[in-house]
Amino acid sequence: MALSDDIKSSLQILNNSNLISDQTYKKLLEITFLDLLYTKTSDVKSLYGAKADVIKEVHAAILKTLLFLAQTDTTKEKAYLLLTKDCKIGTNRSKLLAEAYDTHKLHLSLKLGNIGSHLPHIVDVDWEIDCLIKSSALDLSQGPLFKVKFITETFDAESQINKLEDFVFWCTTLEMQDLVYKLEDALRHCQKIGTNH
């Protein structure tokens, strides 16, 4: 996966300091990261002047590039090489963009990981087997009980960090066998889909 030619040509506008000065470029980077990370409405219109279409085009290209870099988990060095070699952006501006990306890389990855719904992601599982020895309510033992704890990671939009939460449930041997069977079935379906593509 690589950046499209349209994005590359839009980024090459950065080489023309008559269209976009160094000060405007730095302000544009700042506004771009505000747009991506903090969901604030940016004041990109303040940069327009007589070059509104150029600023909009470059702003969109930088947004797409940053999202591409974060999505592919690109390092600072590889980002710099991509910008200088593939996109043919000057070294100073490529260095500024790569350094800004590296500074905000973790936050960008968190934002990308939480696009859409904020459903929890299972990151670990713990389990225990317990046995019911004696009960006044039961005459027959139903065998061991399984305590399953899913450790989930959920994005907290308010604090802008991922939080770990536990989801605990108990089940009998038959319920555990049914759960394991359904998980194995889901795994087979995922593997089948993966081999077809």
N, C-alpha and C. Protein backbone atom coordinates (compact mmCIF):
# COMPACT_ATOMS: atom_id res chain seq x y z
N MET A 1 0.85 -1.17 0.00
CA MET A 1 0.00 0.00 0.00
C MET A 1 0.90 1.23 0.00
N ALA A 2 0.56 2.20 -0.82
CA ALA A 2 1.36 3.42 -0.92
C ALA A 2 0.44 4.61 -1.14
N LEU A 3 1.04 5.77 -1.06
CA LEU A 3 0.29 7.00 -1.30
C LEU A 3 -0.02 7.12 -2.79
N SER A 4 -1.19 7.64 -3.10
CA SER A 4 -1.58 7.80 -4.50
C SER A 4 -0.78 8.93 -5.15
N ASP A 5 -0.77 8.93 -6.46
CA ASP A 5 -0.05 9.97 -7.21
C ASP A 5 -0.66 11.34 -6.98
N ASP A 6 -1.98 11.40 -6.78
CA ASP A 6 -2.64 12.68 -6.52
C ASP A 6 -2.13 13.31 -5.21
N ILE A 7 -2.01 12.48 -4.19
CA ILE A 7 -1.52 12.98 -2.91
C ILE A 7 -0.07 13.43 -3.04
N LYS A 8 0.73 12.64 -3.74
CA LYS A 8 2.14 12.99 -3.93
C LYS A 8 2.28 14.33 -4.67
N SER A 9 1.47 14.52 -5.71
CA SER A 9 1.58 15.78 -6.45
C SER A 9 1.09 16.95 -5.60
N SER A 10 0.09 16.73 -4.76
CA SER A 10 -0.37 17.79 -3.87
C SER A 10 0.69 18.14 -2.83
N LEU A 11 1.39 17.12 -2.35
CA LEU A 11 2.46 17.37 -1.38
C LEU A 11 3.65 18.10 -2.01
N GLN A 12 3.86 17.91 -3.29
CA GLN A 12 4.98 18.57 -3.97
C GLN A 12 4.79 20.08 -4.06
N ILE A 13 3.57 20.54 -3.82
CA ILE A 13 3.32 21.99 -3.78
C ILE A 13 4.13 22.61 -2.64
N LEU A 14 4.42 21.81 -1.60
CA LEU A 14 5.19 22.30 -0.46
C LEU A 14 6.59 22.76 -0.87
N ASN A 15 7.08 22.30 -2.00
CA ASN A 15 8.41 22.71 -2.47
C ASN A 15 8.44 24.16 -2.93
N ASN A 16 7.29 24.72 -3.23
CA ASN A 16 7.21 26.10 -3.71
C ASN A 16 6.98 27.04 -2.52
N SER A 17 8.06 27.65 -2.04
CA SER A 17 7.95 28.53 -0.86
C SER A 17 7.26 29.85 -1.20
N ASN A 18 7.07 30.14 -2.48
CA ASN A 18 6.30 31.34 -2.85
C ASN A 18 4.81 31.12 -2.59
N LEU A 19 4.36 29.87 -2.75
CA LEU A 19 2.95 29.56 -2.49
C LEU A 19 2.69 29.34 -1.00
N ILE A 20 3.61 28.59 -0.35
CA ILE A 20 3.45 28.29 1.07
C ILE A 20 4.77 28.59 1.77
N SER A 21 4.76 29.66 2.53
CA SER A 21 5.99 30.07 3.24
C SER A 21 6.26 29.11 4.40
N ASP A 22 7.45 29.21 4.97
CA ASP A 22 7.81 28.35 6.11
C ASP A 22 6.88 28.58 7.29
N GLN A 23 6.55 29.83 7.54
CA GLN A 23 5.66 30.16 8.66
C GLN A 23 4.26 29.56 8.42
N THR A 24 3.76 29.70 7.20
CA THR A 24 2.45 29.14 6.87
C THR A 24 2.48 27.62 6.98
N TYR A 25 3.57 26.99 6.55
CA TYR A 25 3.71 25.54 6.61
C TYR A 25 3.67 25.06 8.06
N LYS A 26 4.40 25.73 8.94
CA LYS A 26 4.41 25.35 10.36
C LYS A 26 3.02 25.49 10.97
N LYS A 27 2.34 26.57 10.64
CA LYS A 27 0.99 26.79 11.15
C LYS A 27 0.03 25.75 10.58
N LEU A 28 0.22 25.39 9.33
CA LEU A 28 -0.62 24.37 8.69
C LEU A 28 -0.43 23.01 9.37
N LEU A 29 0.79 22.65 9.71
CA LEU A 29 1.04 21.41 10.44
C LEU A 29 0.35 21.42 11.80
N GLU A 30 0.46 22.54 12.49
CA GLU A 30 -0.17 22.67 13.80
C GLU A 30 -1.68 22.49 13.70
N ILE A 31 -2.29 23.14 12.72
CA ILE A 31 -3.73 23.05 12.52
C ILE A 31 -4.13 21.62 12.12
N THR A 32 -3.33 20.97 11.32
CA THR A 32 -3.62 19.61 10.88
C THR A 32 -3.66 18.65 12.07
N PHE A 33 -2.69 18.78 12.97
CA PHE A 33 -2.69 17.90 14.14
C PHE A 33 -3.84 18.22 15.09
N LEU A 34 -4.21 19.49 15.19
CA LEU A 34 -5.39 19.84 15.99
C LEU A 34 -6.64 19.17 15.41
N ASP A 35 -6.76 19.19 14.09
CA ASP A 35 -7.91 18.56 13.43
C ASP A 35 -7.95 17.05 13.71
N LEU A 36 -6.80 16.41 13.59
CA LEU A 36 -6.75 14.96 13.75
C LEU A 36 -6.92 14.49 15.19
N LEU A 37 -6.29 15.19 16.12
CA LEU A 37 -6.20 14.67 17.48
C LEU A 37 -7.23 15.19 18.45
N TYR A 38 -7.65 16.40 18.28
CA TYR A 38 -8.44 17.02 19.34
C TYR A 38 -9.85 17.40 18.90
N THR A 39 -10.26 16.97 17.73
CA THR A 39 -11.60 17.22 17.19
C THR A 39 -12.08 18.66 17.39
N LYS A 40 -11.16 19.59 17.34
CA LYS A 40 -11.53 21.00 17.40
C LYS A 40 -11.62 21.51 15.97
N THR A 41 -12.50 22.44 15.77
CA THR A 41 -12.57 23.02 14.43
C THR A 41 -11.36 23.93 14.25
N SER A 42 -10.60 23.64 13.24
CA SER A 42 -9.37 24.39 13.02
C SER A 42 -9.66 25.71 12.32
N ASP A 43 -8.68 26.57 12.39
CA ASP A 43 -8.80 27.87 11.77
C ASP A 43 -7.92 27.91 10.52
N VAL A 44 -8.11 26.93 9.65
CA VAL A 44 -7.30 26.86 8.45
C VAL A 44 -7.63 28.02 7.50
N LYS A 45 -8.81 28.59 7.65
CA LYS A 45 -9.18 29.73 6.80
C LYS A 45 -8.27 30.93 7.02
N SER A 46 -7.68 31.03 8.20
CA SER A 46 -6.78 32.15 8.47
C SER A 46 -5.53 32.07 7.61
N LEU A 47 -5.23 30.91 7.06
CA LEU A 47 -4.04 30.73 6.22
C LEU A 47 -4.31 30.97 4.74
N TYR A 48 -5.59 31.04 4.37
CA TYR A 48 -5.95 31.09 2.96
C TYR A 48 -5.33 32.26 2.21
N GLY A 49 -5.65 33.45 2.60
CA GLY A 49 -5.20 34.61 1.83
C GLY A 49 -5.76 34.50 0.42
N ALA A 50 -4.90 34.66 -0.57
CA ALA A 50 -5.33 34.57 -1.96
C ALA A 50 -5.16 33.15 -2.51
N LYS A 51 -4.66 32.23 -1.66
CA LYS A 51 -4.34 30.88 -2.14
C LYS A 51 -5.21 29.82 -1.46
N ALA A 52 -6.51 30.06 -1.36
CA ALA A 52 -7.40 29.16 -0.63
C ALA A 52 -7.38 27.74 -1.19
N ASP A 53 -7.43 27.60 -2.51
CA ASP A 53 -7.46 26.27 -3.12
C ASP A 53 -6.17 25.50 -2.87
N VAL A 54 -5.04 26.20 -2.90
CA VAL A 54 -3.74 25.56 -2.68
C VAL A 54 -3.63 25.08 -1.23
N ILE A 55 -4.01 25.93 -0.29
CA ILE A 55 -3.93 25.57 1.14
C ILE A 55 -4.85 24.38 1.42
N LYS A 56 -6.06 24.40 0.88
CA LYS A 56 -7.00 23.29 1.09
C LYS A 56 -6.43 21.98 0.54
N GLU A 57 -5.86 22.05 -0.64
CA GLU A 57 -5.31 20.86 -1.28
C GLU A 57 -4.16 20.28 -0.46
N VAL A 58 -3.25 21.13 -0.02
CA VAL A 58 -2.10 20.67 0.76
C VAL A 58 -2.54 20.16 2.13
N HIS A 59 -3.50 20.86 2.73
CA HIS A 59 -4.03 20.44 4.04
C HIS A 59 -4.61 19.03 3.94
N ALA A 60 -5.42 18.78 2.92
CA ALA A 60 -6.01 17.46 2.73
C ALA A 60 -4.94 16.41 2.47
N ALA A 61 -3.93 16.75 1.69
CA ALA A 61 -2.85 15.81 1.38
C ALA A 61 -2.04 15.46 2.64
N ILE A 62 -1.78 16.45 3.48
CA ILE A 62 -1.06 16.19 4.73
C ILE A 62 -1.90 15.32 5.66
N LEU A 63 -3.21 15.59 5.74
CA LEU A 63 -4.10 14.75 6.55
C LEU A 63 -4.05 13.30 6.09
N LYS A 64 -4.19 13.08 4.80
CA LYS A 64 -4.18 11.72 4.25
C LYS A 64 -2.83 11.05 4.47
N THR A 65 -1.76 11.81 4.33
CA THR A 65 -0.42 11.25 4.53
C THR A 65 -0.20 10.83 5.98
N LEU A 66 -0.59 11.69 6.91
CA LEU A 66 -0.43 11.36 8.33
C LEU A 66 -1.24 10.12 8.70
N LEU A 67 -2.46 10.03 8.20
CA LEU A 67 -3.28 8.85 8.49
C LEU A 67 -2.68 7.60 7.88
N PHE A 68 -2.12 7.72 6.68
CA PHE A 68 -1.44 6.58 6.05
C PHE A 68 -0.24 6.14 6.87
N LEU A 69 0.57 7.10 7.32
CA LEU A 69 1.75 6.77 8.12
C LEU A 69 1.37 6.09 9.42
N ALA A 70 0.34 6.59 10.09
CA ALA A 70 -0.09 5.99 11.35
C ALA A 70 -0.70 4.61 11.12
N GLN A 71 -1.46 4.48 10.06
CA GLN A 71 -2.12 3.20 9.76
C GLN A 71 -1.09 2.12 9.45
N THR A 72 -0.01 2.47 8.80
CA THR A 72 1.02 1.49 8.45
C THR A 72 2.12 1.42 9.51
N ASP A 73 1.95 2.14 10.62
CA ASP A 73 2.89 2.14 11.75
C ASP A 73 4.32 2.43 11.27
N THR A 74 4.44 3.45 10.48
CA THR A 74 5.72 3.85 9.89
C THR A 74 6.59 4.55 10.94
N THR A 75 7.89 4.26 10.91
CA THR A 75 8.81 4.93 11.81
C THR A 75 9.13 6.33 11.29
N LYS A 76 9.75 7.12 12.14
CA LYS A 76 10.12 8.49 11.77
C LYS A 76 11.07 8.48 10.57
N GLU A 77 12.04 7.57 10.58
CA GLU A 77 13.03 7.50 9.51
C GLU A 77 12.39 7.09 8.18
N LYS A 78 11.50 6.09 8.24
CA LYS A 78 10.83 5.65 7.02
C LYS A 78 9.87 6.73 6.50
N ALA A 79 9.25 7.45 7.42
CA ALA A 79 8.37 8.55 7.02
C ALA A 79 9.18 9.62 6.28
N TYR A 80 10.36 9.94 6.82
CA TYR A 80 11.22 10.94 6.19
C TYR A 80 11.63 10.48 4.78
N LEU A 81 12.02 9.21 4.66
CA LEU A 81 12.40 8.67 3.34
C LEU A 81 11.23 8.68 2.37
N LEU A 82 10.05 8.33 2.84
CA LEU A 82 8.86 8.35 1.99
C LEU A 82 8.59 9.76 1.47
N LEU A 83 8.71 10.73 2.37
CA LEU A 83 8.42 12.12 1.99
C LEU A 83 9.47 12.68 1.03
N THR A 84 10.75 12.37 1.27
CA THR A 84 11.80 12.92 0.41
C THR A 84 11.95 12.17 -0.90
N LYS A 85 11.94 10.84 -0.85
CA LYS A 85 12.20 10.04 -2.06
C LYS A 85 10.94 9.85 -2.91
N ASP A 86 9.87 9.34 -2.29
CA ASP A 86 8.65 9.04 -3.06
C ASP A 86 7.85 10.29 -3.40
N CYS A 87 7.67 11.15 -2.41
CA CYS A 87 6.84 12.35 -2.62
C CYS A 87 7.65 13.53 -3.14
N LYS A 88 8.96 13.43 -3.06
CA LYS A 88 9.88 14.47 -3.57
C LYS A 88 9.64 15.84 -2.92
N ILE A 89 9.50 15.81 -1.59
CA ILE A 89 9.37 17.04 -0.82
C ILE A 89 10.77 17.41 -0.33
N GLY A 90 11.05 18.70 -0.22
CA GLY A 90 12.35 19.18 0.25
C GLY A 90 12.70 18.62 1.63
N THR A 91 14.00 18.55 1.92
CA THR A 91 14.45 17.89 3.15
C THR A 91 13.97 18.60 4.42
N ASN A 92 13.99 19.93 4.44
CA ASN A 92 13.58 20.65 5.65
C ASN A 92 12.11 20.42 5.98
N ARG A 93 11.27 20.52 4.98
CA ARG A 93 9.83 20.34 5.21
C ARG A 93 9.49 18.87 5.48
N SER A 94 10.20 17.95 4.85
CA SER A 94 10.01 16.53 5.14
C SER A 94 10.41 16.22 6.57
N LYS A 95 11.52 16.83 7.00
CA LYS A 95 12.00 16.60 8.37
C LYS A 95 10.99 17.13 9.39
N LEU A 96 10.44 18.31 9.15
CA LEU A 96 9.42 18.89 10.05
C LEU A 96 8.19 17.99 10.14
N LEU A 97 7.72 17.52 9.01
CA LEU A 97 6.54 16.67 8.99
C LEU A 97 6.81 15.32 9.67
N ALA A 98 7.97 14.72 9.40
CA ALA A 98 8.32 13.43 10.01
C ALA A 98 8.47 13.56 11.52
N GLU A 99 9.08 14.65 11.98
CA GLU A 99 9.24 14.86 13.42
C GLU A 99 7.90 15.11 14.10
N ALA A 100 7.04 15.89 13.47
CA ALA A 100 5.70 16.14 14.03
C ALA A 100 4.90 14.85 14.08
N TYR A 101 5.01 14.04 13.02
CA TYR A 101 4.32 12.75 13.00
C TYR A 101 4.83 11.86 14.14
N ASP A 102 6.14 11.78 14.30
CA ASP A 102 6.71 10.94 15.34
C ASP A 102 6.27 11.38 16.74
N THR A 103 6.16 12.67 16.95
CA THR A 103 5.73 13.21 18.24
C THR A 103 4.30 12.79 18.55
N HIS A 104 3.44 12.75 17.55
CA HIS A 104 2.01 12.48 17.75
C HIS A 104 1.60 11.08 17.31
N LYS A 105 2.56 10.22 17.00
CA LYS A 105 2.28 8.90 16.44
C LYS A 105 1.38 8.06 17.35
N LEU A 106 1.65 8.03 18.63
CA LEU A 106 0.86 7.22 19.55
C LEU A 106 -0.59 7.69 19.59
N HIS A 107 -0.79 9.00 19.67
CA HIS A 107 -2.15 9.54 19.71
C HIS A 107 -2.90 9.28 18.40
N LEU A 108 -2.19 9.37 17.28
CA LEU A 108 -2.81 9.07 15.99
C LEU A 108 -3.25 7.61 15.93
N SER A 109 -2.39 6.71 16.41
CA SER A 109 -2.72 5.28 16.40
C SER A 109 -3.93 5.00 17.29
N LEU A 110 -3.98 5.65 18.45
CA LEU A 110 -5.13 5.48 19.34
C LEU A 110 -6.41 5.96 18.67
N LYS A 111 -6.33 7.10 18.01
CA LYS A 111 -7.51 7.64 17.32
C LYS A 111 -7.96 6.70 16.21
N LEU A 112 -7.02 6.18 15.42
CA LEU A 112 -7.38 5.27 14.35
C LEU A 112 -7.98 3.98 14.89
N GLY A 113 -7.45 3.51 16.01
CA GLY A 113 -7.94 2.28 16.60
C GLY A 113 -9.34 2.40 17.17
N ASN A 114 -9.80 3.61 17.35
CA ASN A 114 -11.10 3.81 17.96
C ASN A 114 -12.08 4.56 17.06
N ILE A 115 -11.85 4.46 15.77
CA ILE A 115 -12.80 5.07 14.84
C ILE A 115 -14.06 4.21 14.84
N GLY A 116 -15.18 4.85 14.79
CA GLY A 116 -16.45 4.14 14.79
C GLY A 116 -16.95 3.95 16.20
N SER A 117 -17.43 2.76 16.49
CA SER A 117 -17.96 2.51 17.82
C SER A 117 -16.81 2.30 18.80
N HIS A 118 -17.13 2.43 20.05
CA HIS A 118 -16.12 2.26 21.09
C HIS A 118 -16.32 0.92 21.79
N LEU A 119 -16.49 -0.12 21.02
CA LEU A 119 -16.64 -1.45 21.59
C LEU A 119 -15.30 -1.90 22.18
N PRO A 120 -15.35 -2.66 23.26
CA PRO A 120 -14.09 -3.11 23.87
C PRO A 120 -13.40 -4.17 23.02
N HIS A 121 -12.07 -4.20 23.11
CA HIS A 121 -11.25 -5.20 22.45
C HIS A 121 -10.74 -6.15 23.52
N ILE A 122 -10.90 -7.45 23.31
CA ILE A 122 -10.39 -8.43 24.27
C ILE A 122 -8.88 -8.52 24.09
N VAL A 123 -8.14 -8.26 25.16
CA VAL A 123 -6.68 -8.29 25.09
C VAL A 123 -6.07 -9.45 25.87
N ASP A 124 -6.86 -10.07 26.78
CA ASP A 124 -6.35 -11.20 27.55
C ASP A 124 -7.52 -11.97 28.15
N VAL A 125 -7.26 -13.22 28.51
CA VAL A 125 -8.27 -14.07 29.14
C VAL A 125 -7.63 -14.78 30.32
N ASP A 126 -8.36 -14.82 31.43
CA ASP A 126 -7.97 -15.56 32.63
C ASP A 126 -9.09 -16.54 32.94
N TRP A 127 -8.77 -17.70 33.47
CA TRP A 127 -9.83 -18.62 33.84
C TRP A 127 -9.42 -19.46 35.04
N GLU A 128 -10.43 -19.93 35.76
CA GLU A 128 -10.22 -20.79 36.93
C GLU A 128 -11.29 -21.87 36.91
N ILE A 129 -10.97 -23.03 37.52
CA ILE A 129 -11.96 -24.09 37.70
C ILE A 129 -12.28 -24.15 39.18
N ASP A 130 -13.56 -24.06 39.49
CA ASP A 130 -14.03 -24.19 40.86
C ASP A 130 -14.96 -25.39 40.93
N CYS A 131 -15.02 -25.98 42.11
CA CYS A 131 -15.89 -27.13 42.30
C CYS A 131 -16.80 -26.87 43.49
N LEU A 132 -18.08 -27.14 43.32
CA LEU A 132 -19.06 -26.95 44.37
C LEU A 132 -19.05 -28.21 45.23
N ILE A 133 -18.65 -28.09 46.48
CA ILE A 133 -18.51 -29.25 47.37
C ILE A 133 -19.86 -29.67 47.94
N LYS A 134 -20.59 -28.73 48.53
CA LYS A 134 -21.84 -29.06 49.19
C LYS A 134 -22.78 -27.87 49.10
N SER A 135 -24.05 -28.18 48.88
CA SER A 135 -25.04 -27.12 48.81
C SER A 135 -26.35 -27.63 49.40
N SER A 136 -27.00 -26.81 50.15
CA SER A 136 -28.28 -27.21 50.72
C SER A 136 -29.38 -27.19 49.67
N ALA A 137 -29.16 -26.46 48.59
CA ALA A 137 -30.18 -26.35 47.55
C ALA A 137 -30.05 -27.43 46.48
N LEU A 138 -28.88 -28.04 46.33
CA LEU A 138 -28.65 -29.03 45.28
C LEU A 138 -28.40 -30.41 45.87
N ASP A 139 -29.06 -31.41 45.31
CA ASP A 139 -28.79 -32.78 45.72
C ASP A 139 -27.69 -33.39 44.88
N LEU A 140 -27.63 -33.00 43.61
CA LEU A 140 -26.63 -33.54 42.71
C LEU A 140 -25.59 -32.47 42.36
N SER A 141 -24.37 -32.90 42.25
CA SER A 141 -23.31 -31.99 41.83
C SER A 141 -23.36 -31.86 40.31
N GLN A 142 -23.19 -30.67 39.81
CA GLN A 142 -23.22 -30.45 38.37
C GLN A 142 -21.81 -30.39 37.78
N GLY A 143 -20.84 -30.85 38.49
CA GLY A 143 -19.48 -30.85 38.01
C GLY A 143 -18.81 -29.52 38.29
N PRO A 144 -17.64 -29.34 37.70
CA PRO A 144 -16.90 -28.10 37.97
C PRO A 144 -17.56 -26.87 37.35
N LEU A 145 -17.29 -25.73 37.94
CA LEU A 145 -17.73 -24.45 37.41
C LEU A 145 -16.50 -23.71 36.91
N PHE A 146 -16.64 -23.07 35.77
CA PHE A 146 -15.53 -22.32 35.19
C PHE A 146 -15.78 -20.83 35.39
N LYS A 147 -14.77 -20.16 35.90
CA LYS A 147 -14.81 -18.71 36.03
C LYS A 147 -13.91 -18.15 34.92
N VAL A 148 -14.52 -17.41 34.00
CA VAL A 148 -13.77 -16.86 32.87
C VAL A 148 -13.76 -15.35 33.00
N LYS A 149 -12.58 -14.78 32.85
CA LYS A 149 -12.44 -13.32 32.93
C LYS A 149 -11.80 -12.82 31.65
N PHE A 150 -12.57 -12.04 30.88
CA PHE A 150 -12.03 -11.37 29.70
C PHE A 150 -11.51 -10.01 30.15
N ILE A 151 -10.27 -9.72 29.81
CA ILE A 151 -9.70 -8.40 30.08
C ILE A 151 -9.83 -7.62 28.78
N THR A 152 -10.58 -6.54 28.85
CA THR A 152 -10.87 -5.76 27.65
C THR A 152 -10.24 -4.37 27.72
N GLU A 153 -10.00 -3.84 26.54
CA GLU A 153 -9.44 -2.49 26.43
C GLU A 153 -10.47 -1.63 25.72
N THR A 154 -10.83 -0.52 26.36
CA THR A 154 -11.82 0.39 25.81
C THR A 154 -11.24 1.79 25.77
N PHE A 155 -11.51 2.50 24.70
CA PHE A 155 -11.04 3.88 24.57
C PHE A 155 -11.97 4.79 25.35
N ASP A 156 -11.39 5.59 26.22
CA ASP A 156 -12.16 6.57 26.98
C ASP A 156 -12.00 7.92 26.29
N ALA A 157 -13.06 8.37 25.64
CA ALA A 157 -13.00 9.60 24.86
C ALA A 157 -12.72 10.82 25.73
N GLU A 158 -13.17 10.78 26.97
CA GLU A 158 -12.99 11.93 27.86
C GLU A 158 -11.53 12.13 28.24
N SER A 159 -10.87 11.05 28.64
CA SER A 159 -9.46 11.18 29.05
C SER A 159 -8.48 10.90 27.91
N GLN A 160 -9.00 10.48 26.74
CA GLN A 160 -8.20 10.23 25.54
C GLN A 160 -7.16 9.13 25.74
N ILE A 161 -7.48 8.11 26.54
CA ILE A 161 -6.57 6.97 26.74
C ILE A 161 -7.38 5.67 26.70
N ASN A 162 -6.68 4.55 26.53
CA ASN A 162 -7.31 3.24 26.60
C ASN A 162 -7.34 2.78 28.04
N LYS A 163 -8.47 2.23 28.47
CA LYS A 163 -8.62 1.72 29.83
C LYS A 163 -8.90 0.24 29.79
N LEU A 164 -8.33 -0.49 30.77
CA LEU A 164 -8.57 -1.92 30.88
C LEU A 164 -9.74 -2.17 31.82
N GLU A 165 -10.61 -3.07 31.42
CA GLU A 165 -11.76 -3.44 32.23
C GLU A 165 -11.89 -4.96 32.21
N ASP A 166 -12.47 -5.52 33.28
CA ASP A 166 -12.68 -6.96 33.37
C ASP A 166 -14.15 -7.29 33.12
N PHE A 167 -14.36 -8.37 32.39
CA PHE A 167 -15.70 -8.91 32.18
C PHE A 167 -15.65 -10.36 32.66
N VAL A 168 -16.36 -10.67 33.76
CA VAL A 168 -16.28 -11.98 34.40
C VAL A 168 -17.62 -12.69 34.28
N PHE A 169 -17.56 -13.99 33.97
CA PHE A 169 -18.77 -14.82 33.98
C PHE A 169 -18.43 -16.24 34.42
N TRP A 170 -19.45 -16.95 34.91
CA TRP A 170 -19.32 -18.33 35.35
C TRP A 170 -20.09 -19.21 34.39
N CYS A 171 -19.59 -20.44 34.16
CA CYS A 171 -20.32 -21.38 33.32
C CYS A 171 -20.03 -22.81 33.73
N THR A 172 -20.94 -23.71 33.35
CA THR A 172 -20.78 -25.13 33.64
C THR A 172 -19.88 -25.75 32.58
N THR A 173 -19.60 -27.04 32.74
CA THR A 173 -18.76 -27.75 31.77
C THR A 173 -19.41 -27.75 30.39
N LEU A 174 -20.70 -28.00 30.32
CA LEU A 174 -21.40 -28.01 29.03
C LEU A 174 -21.38 -26.63 28.38
N GLU A 175 -21.60 -25.59 29.17
CA GLU A 175 -21.57 -24.23 28.63
C GLU A 175 -20.17 -23.86 28.16
N MET A 176 -19.15 -24.32 28.88
CA MET A 176 -17.76 -24.05 28.47
C MET A 176 -17.44 -24.77 27.17
N GLN A 177 -17.88 -26.03 27.04
CA GLN A 177 -17.65 -26.77 25.80
C GLN A 177 -18.35 -26.08 24.62
N ASP A 178 -19.56 -25.59 24.84
CA ASP A 178 -20.29 -24.89 23.81
C ASP A 178 -19.57 -23.60 23.39
N LEU A 179 -19.07 -22.86 24.37
CA LEU A 179 -18.31 -21.63 24.10
C LEU A 179 -17.06 -21.93 23.28
N VAL A 180 -16.30 -22.95 23.70
CA VAL A 180 -15.07 -23.31 22.99
C VAL A 180 -15.39 -23.74 21.56
N TYR A 181 -16.45 -24.53 21.38
CA TYR A 181 -16.83 -24.97 20.05
C TYR A 181 -17.18 -23.77 19.16
N LYS A 182 -17.94 -22.83 19.69
CA LYS A 182 -18.33 -21.66 18.90
C LYS A 182 -17.12 -20.79 18.56
N LEU A 183 -16.16 -20.67 19.48
CA LEU A 183 -14.94 -19.90 19.19
C LEU A 183 -14.11 -20.60 18.11
N GLU A 184 -14.01 -21.94 18.19
CA GLU A 184 -13.27 -22.68 17.17
C GLU A 184 -13.96 -22.55 15.80
N ASP A 185 -15.29 -22.57 15.80
CA ASP A 185 -16.05 -22.40 14.56
C ASP A 185 -15.79 -21.01 13.96
N ALA A 186 -15.80 -19.99 14.81
CA ALA A 186 -15.52 -18.62 14.35
C ALA A 186 -14.10 -18.53 13.79
N LEU A 187 -13.15 -19.20 14.44
CA LEU A 187 -11.76 -19.20 13.97
C LEU A 187 -11.66 -19.86 12.60
N ARG A 188 -12.35 -20.99 12.41
CA ARG A 188 -12.34 -21.67 11.11
C ARG A 188 -12.90 -20.76 10.01
N HIS A 189 -13.98 -20.07 10.31
CA HIS A 189 -14.57 -19.16 9.33
C HIS A 189 -13.62 -18.02 8.99
N CYS A 190 -12.95 -17.46 10.00
CA CYS A 190 -11.99 -16.37 9.75
C CYS A 190 -10.83 -16.85 8.91
N GLN A 191 -10.33 -18.07 9.18
CA GLN A 191 -9.22 -18.62 8.40
C GLN A 191 -9.65 -18.90 6.96
N LYS A 192 -10.88 -19.35 6.80
CA LYS A 192 -11.40 -19.62 5.46
C LYS A 192 -11.52 -18.33 4.66
N ILE A 193 -12.02 -17.28 5.30
CA ILE A 193 -12.13 -15.96 4.64
C ILE A 193 -10.73 -15.45 4.29
N GLY A 194 -9.76 -15.65 5.21
CA GLY A 194 -8.40 -15.16 4.99
C GLY A 194 -7.72 -15.87 3.82
N THR A 195 -8.00 -17.15 3.62
CA THR A 195 -7.36 -17.88 2.51
C THR A 195 -8.02 -17.57 1.18
N ASN A 196 -9.28 -17.11 1.20
CA ASN A 196 -9.97 -16.77 -0.04
C ASN A 196 -9.55 -15.42 -0.59
N HIS A 197 -8.92 -14.58 0.22
CA HIS A 197 -8.54 -13.23 -0.24
C HIS A 197 -7.08 -13.15 -0.50
